[in-house]
């Protein structure tokens, strides 16, 4: 069975220090690149992650700290990996949820350009789980009738994945599949683009699945209190949610896609503000001419009588404009006056 390829298809598998895409690091990567002319290229890199590998993880993939202590860091070999993959489409087992986002985190962390926007992704596990729902070991036995030798080594798992996909295409070439809407399809065909669409049914925006596309093609949140809401709508009602995610422990690729959506949303807001009609300004005064702002402050016309202005005095208002009293002669102090004063100031 041969794959119908229009450009190279790179099968790859990662071994890492753990399964947390935002925190863990790659310790081994193997890539089998199939070219349209059927030429196969294989490369494997072991990488020093710069952190200790947990014992429980080493027991799974068999790689211990001593095995990679003298290996180069990812930022040393990352450019070589990117160049080897080139413009290939990507395929793997559980690659959409783990291998691709983990690889993108390492590229972003190392500052190595690697564009994935125009590639197809074929997740062999998604075909398997949707059609049979088994593990890679069971898939290899089921489809290829073989046991994986040296399982959990990157190259052995990668080769098993490649052989499983070839067997899946052969087995399901005429098989019906009923989607969530009740439509009957024949999705497993020898075409990478068709397999891309079938293995990306959830339509993730950021691989980690924090954001997905709805049926209208809008990005919506797929977690937390805003699950199911459009990302742009959330920015409108709660713009601080963007800052919270950008400062949080989310994968770098999730943050990159979030930043792209935020920039697009912000550009729309700026454009809307520019399109709003501008309120007319008051006509400015011509040079040498005073603007008549209100009738209250304007000068009276020459033919209008002027109001007489009188300066008020500081006396009591009741005495305002009353003629002053004439001076009266001073009376001498007598006994009656003294008695009156005494009664007035006597304490009770």
Protein backbone atom coordinates (compact mmCIF):
# COMPACT_ATOMS: atom_id res chain seq x y z
CA UNK A 1 0.00 0.00 0.00
CA UNK A 2 1.38 3.38 -1.02
CA UNK A 3 0.29 6.78 0.24
CA UNK A 4 -0.98 9.31 -2.26
CA UNK A 5 1.26 12.28 -1.53
CA UNK A 6 1.33 15.72 -3.08
CA UNK A 7 4.14 16.81 -0.75
CA UNK A 8 6.23 15.08 1.93
CA UNK A 9 4.52 13.59 4.97
CA UNK A 10 6.56 13.51 8.18
CA UNK A 11 5.62 10.88 10.73
CA UNK A 12 7.12 11.72 14.09
CA UNK A 13 7.01 10.72 17.72
CA UNK A 14 8.30 12.39 20.87
CA UNK A 15 9.50 11.13 24.21
CA UNK A 16 9.46 13.77 26.93
CA UNK A 17 9.94 14.44 30.63
CA UNK A 18 6.15 14.29 31.09
CA UNK A 19 2.84 15.05 29.44
CA UNK A 20 2.34 18.72 30.40
CA UNK A 21 2.79 20.56 27.11
CA UNK A 22 3.51 23.92 28.76
CA UNK A 23 6.08 22.65 31.28
CA UNK A 24 7.71 19.39 30.14
CA UNK A 25 10.56 19.04 27.64
CA UNK A 26 11.45 16.74 24.75
CA UNK A 27 14.17 14.12 25.36
CA UNK A 28 13.89 12.28 22.04
CA UNK A 29 12.29 12.87 18.65
CA UNK A 30 12.25 10.60 15.65
CA UNK A 31 11.00 11.59 12.20
CA UNK A 32 10.28 9.38 9.20
CA UNK A 33 9.73 11.57 6.17
CA UNK A 34 7.97 10.07 3.18
CA UNK A 35 8.46 11.93 -0.08
CA UNK A 36 6.04 11.87 -3.04
CA UNK A 37 8.60 9.87 -5.02
CA UNK A 38 8.45 7.25 -2.22
CA UNK A 39 11.90 8.05 -0.90
CA UNK A 40 12.05 7.55 2.88
CA UNK A 41 14.29 9.58 5.18
CA UNK A 42 14.71 8.80 8.88
CA UNK A 43 16.34 10.89 11.61
CA UNK A 44 16.35 10.59 15.39
CA UNK A 45 17.63 13.11 17.91
CA UNK A 46 18.20 12.69 21.64
CA UNK A 47 17.98 15.94 23.55
CA UNK A 48 19.11 17.17 26.95
CA UNK A 49 15.96 18.77 28.38
CA UNK A 50 17.84 20.80 30.99
CA UNK A 51 15.62 19.36 33.74
CA UNK A 52 15.51 16.02 35.52
CA UNK A 53 13.37 13.25 34.05
CA UNK A 54 10.95 11.88 36.67
CA UNK A 55 11.62 8.21 37.46
CA UNK A 56 8.06 7.17 36.62
CA UNK A 57 8.48 8.71 33.15
CA UNK A 58 11.85 7.03 32.58
CA UNK A 59 10.29 3.68 33.45
CA UNK A 60 7.86 4.18 30.55
CA UNK A 61 10.18 5.25 27.71
CA UNK A 62 13.47 3.88 29.09
CA UNK A 63 15.42 7.14 28.86
CA UNK A 64 17.18 8.24 32.04
CA UNK A 65 19.08 11.40 32.96
CA UNK A 66 22.47 9.71 32.39
CA UNK A 67 21.41 8.70 28.88
CA UNK A 68 20.99 12.28 27.70
CA UNK A 69 23.30 14.30 29.96
CA UNK A 70 25.81 14.81 27.10
CA UNK A 71 23.22 15.39 24.38
CA UNK A 72 22.62 18.88 22.93
CA UNK A 73 19.79 21.12 24.10
CA UNK A 74 16.79 21.70 21.83
CA UNK A 75 17.87 25.23 20.92
CA UNK A 76 21.03 23.68 19.44
CA UNK A 77 19.35 21.04 17.24
CA UNK A 78 15.95 22.68 16.76
CA UNK A 79 16.89 24.42 13.52
CA UNK A 80 18.13 21.11 12.11
CA UNK A 81 14.85 19.41 13.02
CA UNK A 82 12.81 22.22 11.43
CA UNK A 83 14.91 22.04 8.26
CA UNK A 84 14.54 18.26 8.03
CA UNK A 85 10.76 18.42 8.37
CA UNK A 86 10.68 21.27 5.86
CA UNK A 87 7.24 21.84 4.32
CA UNK A 88 5.99 18.35 5.15
CA UNK A 89 2.54 17.61 6.43
CA UNK A 90 2.64 16.02 9.88
CA UNK A 91 1.39 12.66 11.09
CA UNK A 92 1.62 10.91 14.43
CA UNK A 93 -0.18 8.96 17.10
CA UNK A 94 -2.06 11.34 19.43
CA UNK A 95 -0.01 14.00 17.68
CA UNK A 96 -2.74 16.65 17.61
CA UNK A 97 -3.01 16.69 21.39
CA UNK A 98 0.57 16.02 22.39
CA UNK A 99 3.37 15.74 19.85
CA UNK A 100 2.56 18.77 17.66
CA UNK A 101 1.83 21.21 20.54
CA UNK A 102 4.88 19.93 22.46
CA UNK A 103 7.10 20.41 19.40
CA UNK A 104 5.66 23.89 18.82
CA UNK A 105 6.39 24.85 22.44
CA UNK A 106 10.04 23.88 21.99
CA UNK A 107 10.32 25.81 18.71
CA UNK A 108 8.74 28.91 20.25
CA UNK A 109 10.84 28.66 23.40
CA UNK A 110 14.01 28.44 21.31
CA UNK A 111 12.91 31.23 18.95
CA UNK A 112 13.08 28.92 15.91
CA UNK A 113 10.58 29.76 13.10
CA UNK A 114 8.26 26.88 12.24
CA UNK A 115 5.01 27.71 10.45
CA UNK A 116 2.22 25.16 10.83
CA UNK A 117 -0.68 27.21 9.48
CA UNK A 118 -0.52 25.73 5.98
CA UNK A 119 0.09 22.08 6.84
CA UNK A 120 -2.18 19.07 7.13
CA UNK A 121 -2.16 17.00 10.31
CA UNK A 122 -3.08 13.33 10.36
CA UNK A 123 -3.60 11.92 13.84
CA UNK A 124 -3.58 8.15 13.45
CA UNK A 125 -4.96 7.71 16.96
CA UNK A 126 -8.09 9.65 16.02
CA UNK A 127 -8.76 7.29 13.11
CA UNK A 128 -8.17 4.33 15.38
CA UNK A 129 -10.23 5.61 18.31
CA UNK A 130 -13.13 6.62 16.15
CA UNK A 131 -13.15 3.37 14.25
CA UNK A 132 -11.93 0.83 16.84
CA UNK A 133 -10.97 2.70 20.05
CA UNK A 134 -7.75 0.93 21.07
CA UNK A 135 -4.14 1.77 22.07
CA UNK A 136 -1.15 1.91 19.72
CA UNK A 137 0.01 -1.55 20.79
CA UNK A 138 -3.45 -2.97 20.19
CA UNK A 139 -3.75 -1.02 16.94
CA UNK A 140 -0.50 -2.47 15.65
CA UNK A 141 -1.62 -5.97 16.57
CA UNK A 142 -5.12 -5.40 15.19
CA UNK A 143 -4.18 -3.82 11.87
CA UNK A 144 -0.76 -5.30 11.19
CA UNK A 145 -1.02 -8.54 13.17
CA UNK A 146 2.36 -7.83 14.72
CA UNK A 147 3.78 -6.96 18.12
CA UNK A 148 5.80 -3.75 18.53
CA UNK A 149 9.41 -4.65 19.18
CA UNK A 150 11.17 -2.22 21.52
CA UNK A 151 7.93 -0.39 22.28
CA UNK A 152 8.19 3.20 23.62
CA UNK A 153 11.38 3.91 21.73
CA UNK A 154 10.69 6.84 19.44
CA UNK A 155 11.65 5.12 16.19
CA UNK A 156 9.80 1.87 16.95
CA UNK A 157 6.61 3.75 17.83
CA UNK A 158 6.97 6.00 14.80
CA UNK A 159 7.37 3.08 12.42
CA UNK A 160 4.44 1.28 14.02
CA UNK A 161 2.33 4.41 13.56
CA UNK A 162 3.24 4.63 9.88
CA UNK A 163 2.39 0.96 9.26
CA UNK A 164 -0.91 1.30 11.15
CA UNK A 165 -2.00 4.24 8.94
CA UNK A 166 -1.25 2.27 5.78
CA UNK A 167 -3.26 -0.67 7.13
CA UNK A 168 -6.12 1.63 8.19
CA UNK A 169 -6.45 3.08 4.70
CA UNK A 170 -6.54 -0.40 3.25
CA UNK A 171 -9.05 -1.72 5.78
CA UNK A 172 -11.46 1.24 5.81
CA UNK A 173 -11.34 2.35 2.18
CA UNK A 174 -15.03 1.43 1.74
CA UNK A 175 -16.14 1.58 5.40
CA UNK A 176 -19.06 3.77 6.44
CA UNK A 177 -18.83 6.19 9.33
CA UNK A 178 -21.80 7.92 10.96
CA UNK A 179 -20.90 11.39 12.20
CA UNK A 180 -22.55 13.29 15.08
CA UNK A 181 -25.18 14.72 12.72
CA UNK A 182 -26.20 11.29 11.50
CA UNK A 183 -24.48 11.65 8.12
CA UNK A 184 -23.02 8.49 6.58
CA UNK A 185 -19.51 9.03 5.23
CA UNK A 186 -16.60 7.08 3.80
CA UNK A 187 -13.85 9.19 5.40
CA UNK A 188 -10.85 6.85 5.24
CA UNK A 189 -9.37 7.44 1.81
CA UNK A 190 -5.88 7.62 0.43
CA UNK A 191 -5.74 11.40 0.58
CA UNK A 192 -3.87 13.39 3.23
CA UNK A 193 -6.25 16.38 3.14
CA UNK A 194 -9.28 14.14 3.71
CA UNK A 195 -7.52 12.35 6.56
CA UNK A 196 -6.61 15.73 8.02
CA UNK A 197 -10.28 16.75 8.18
CA UNK A 198 -11.36 13.40 9.63
CA UNK A 199 -8.73 13.42 12.37
CA UNK A 200 -9.46 17.03 13.33
CA UNK A 201 -13.21 16.78 13.91
CA UNK A 202 -13.06 18.98 17.02
CA UNK A 203 -11.44 21.75 14.94
CA UNK A 204 -9.04 23.01 17.62
CA UNK A 205 -7.63 26.50 17.32
CA UNK A 206 -4.56 25.86 19.45
CA UNK A 207 -4.05 22.05 19.59
CA UNK A 208 -4.34 22.10 23.39
CA UNK A 209 -8.07 22.50 22.80
CA UNK A 210 -8.51 25.60 24.95
CA UNK A 211 -10.17 27.19 21.93
CA UNK A 212 -12.05 25.50 19.09
CA UNK A 213 -13.94 26.61 15.99
CA UNK A 214 -17.72 26.45 15.99
CA UNK A 215 -19.74 25.52 12.91
CA UNK A 216 -19.67 29.13 11.71
CA UNK A 217 -15.87 29.23 11.87
CA UNK A 218 -15.72 31.49 14.95
CA UNK A 219 -13.21 30.80 17.72
CA UNK A 220 -14.91 29.86 20.99
CA UNK A 221 -13.52 29.01 24.41
CA UNK A 222 -13.57 25.31 25.24
CA UNK A 223 -12.92 25.53 28.98
CA UNK A 224 -13.71 27.51 32.11
CA UNK A 225 -16.51 29.94 32.85
CA UNK A 226 -16.68 31.19 29.24
CA UNK A 227 -16.87 27.74 27.63
CA UNK A 228 -18.96 27.89 24.47
CA UNK A 229 -18.71 31.67 24.14
CA UNK A 230 -17.03 33.45 21.24
CA UNK A 231 -13.54 34.61 22.16
CA UNK A 232 -14.15 38.08 20.70
CA UNK A 233 -17.41 38.43 22.64
CA UNK A 234 -15.58 37.64 25.87
CA UNK A 235 -12.96 40.29 25.08
CA UNK A 236 -15.78 42.81 24.66
CA UNK A 237 -17.45 42.13 28.03
CA UNK A 238 -14.34 41.12 29.99
CA UNK A 239 -11.12 42.34 28.34
CA UNK A 240 -9.12 41.41 31.45
CA UNK A 241 -9.66 37.73 30.56
CA UNK A 242 -7.07 38.15 27.81
CA UNK A 243 -4.46 39.42 30.28
CA UNK A 244 -5.31 36.60 32.69
CA UNK A 245 -4.67 33.96 30.04
CA UNK A 246 -1.51 35.63 28.71
CA UNK A 247 -0.07 35.68 32.26
CA UNK A 248 -1.31 32.20 33.12
CA UNK A 249 0.23 28.76 32.75
CA UNK A 250 -1.05 28.14 29.23
CA UNK A 251 1.01 26.74 26.32
CA UNK A 252 2.89 29.33 24.28
CA UNK A 253 1.06 28.33 21.11
CA UNK A 254 -2.28 28.85 22.86
CA UNK A 255 -1.09 32.34 23.82
CA UNK A 256 0.07 33.03 20.27
CA UNK A 257 -3.35 32.17 18.80
CA UNK A 258 -5.07 34.15 21.57
CA UNK A 259 -2.89 37.17 20.75
CA UNK A 260 -3.82 36.89 17.05
CA UNK A 261 -7.53 36.91 17.91
CA UNK A 262 -7.09 39.82 20.34
CA UNK A 263 -5.19 41.87 17.74
CA UNK A 264 -7.93 41.24 15.16
CA UNK A 265 -10.66 42.18 17.68
CA UNK A 266 -8.81 45.34 18.72
CA UNK A 267 -8.31 46.38 15.08
CA UNK A 268 -12.08 46.08 14.56
CA UNK A 269 -12.73 48.32 17.56
CA UNK A 270 -10.33 50.97 16.27
CA UNK A 271 -11.96 50.86 12.81
CA UNK A 272 -15.43 51.20 14.33
CA UNK A 273 -14.38 54.25 16.33
CA UNK A 274 -12.98 55.88 13.19
CA UNK A 275 -16.22 55.27 11.31
CA UNK A 276 -18.36 57.04 13.91
CA UNK A 277 -19.51 60.55 12.78
CA UNK A 278 -17.49 63.38 14.28
CA UNK A 279 -19.48 65.94 16.28
CA UNK A 280 -19.30 69.42 14.61
CA UNK A 281 -17.22 71.96 16.46
CA UNK A 282 -18.28 75.57 17.16
CA UNK A 283 -17.23 78.02 14.51
CA UNK A 284 -14.01 79.62 15.57
CA UNK A 285 -13.62 83.39 15.69
CA UNK A 286 -11.94 85.02 12.82
CA UNK A 287 -8.75 86.88 13.64
CA UNK A 288 -9.57 90.23 15.21
CA UNK A 289 -13.25 89.33 15.68
CA UNK A 290 -14.73 88.45 19.09
CA UNK A 291 -17.21 85.56 19.09
CA UNK A 292 -20.64 86.50 20.51
CA UNK A 293 -21.12 83.53 22.88
CA UNK A 294 -24.42 84.60 24.47
CA UNK A 295 -26.82 87.48 24.58
CA UNK A 296 -26.31 87.76 28.33
CA UNK A 297 -22.72 88.87 27.87
CA UNK A 298 -23.22 91.06 24.82
CA UNK A 299 -23.04 94.85 25.00
CA UNK A 300 -26.35 96.77 24.98
CA UNK A 301 -27.26 98.54 21.81
CA UNK A 302 -26.65 102.26 21.60
CA UNK A 303 -30.38 103.08 21.52
CA UNK A 304 -31.10 101.09 24.73
CA UNK A 305 -31.14 102.98 28.06
CA UNK A 306 -28.35 102.05 30.38
CA UNK A 307 -29.23 100.80 33.84
CA UNK A 308 -28.12 103.06 36.67
CA UNK A 309 -25.69 101.34 38.95
CA UNK A 310 -25.57 102.30 42.62
CA UNK A 311 -22.92 101.02 44.91
CA UNK A 312 -24.54 99.39 47.94
CA UNK A 313 -23.46 100.49 51.40
CA UNK A 314 -22.55 98.19 54.23
CA UNK A 315 -25.46 99.18 56.40
CA UNK A 316 -28.40 96.99 57.32
CA UNK A 317 -30.65 96.25 54.36
CA UNK A 318 -33.60 97.84 56.16
CA UNK A 319 -31.73 101.13 56.23
CA UNK A 320 -30.69 100.94 52.59
CA UNK A 321 -31.49 104.26 50.79
CA UNK A 322 -33.01 105.73 54.02
CA UNK A 323 -31.96 109.35 54.69
CA UNK A 324 -29.55 109.68 57.58
CA UNK A 325 -30.98 110.78 60.92
CA UNK A 326 -30.27 114.27 62.11
CA UNK A 327 -27.95 114.57 65.08
CA UNK A 328 -29.74 114.89 68.45
CA UNK A 329 -28.31 116.75 71.51
CA UNK A 330 -26.55 114.55 74.06
CA UNK A 331 -28.59 114.05 77.28
CA UNK A 332 -26.84 114.31 80.65
CA UNK A 333 -26.65 111.12 82.74
CA UNK A 334 -29.21 111.09 85.55
CA UNK A 335 -30.46 108.63 88.20
CA UNK A 336 -33.16 107.24 85.95
CA UNK A 337 -30.62 106.34 83.28
CA UNK A 338 -28.37 104.69 85.84
CA UNK A 339 -31.26 102.66 87.27
CA UNK A 340 -32.29 101.57 83.79
CA UNK A 341 -28.76 100.40 82.95
CA UNK A 342 -28.52 98.62 86.30
CA UNK A 343 -31.75 96.73 85.68
CA UNK A 344 -30.67 95.84 82.16
CA UNK A 345 -27.35 94.23 83.13
CA UNK A 346 -28.47 92.77 86.47
CA UNK A 347 -27.80 89.01 86.68
CA UNK A 348 -30.82 86.83 87.39
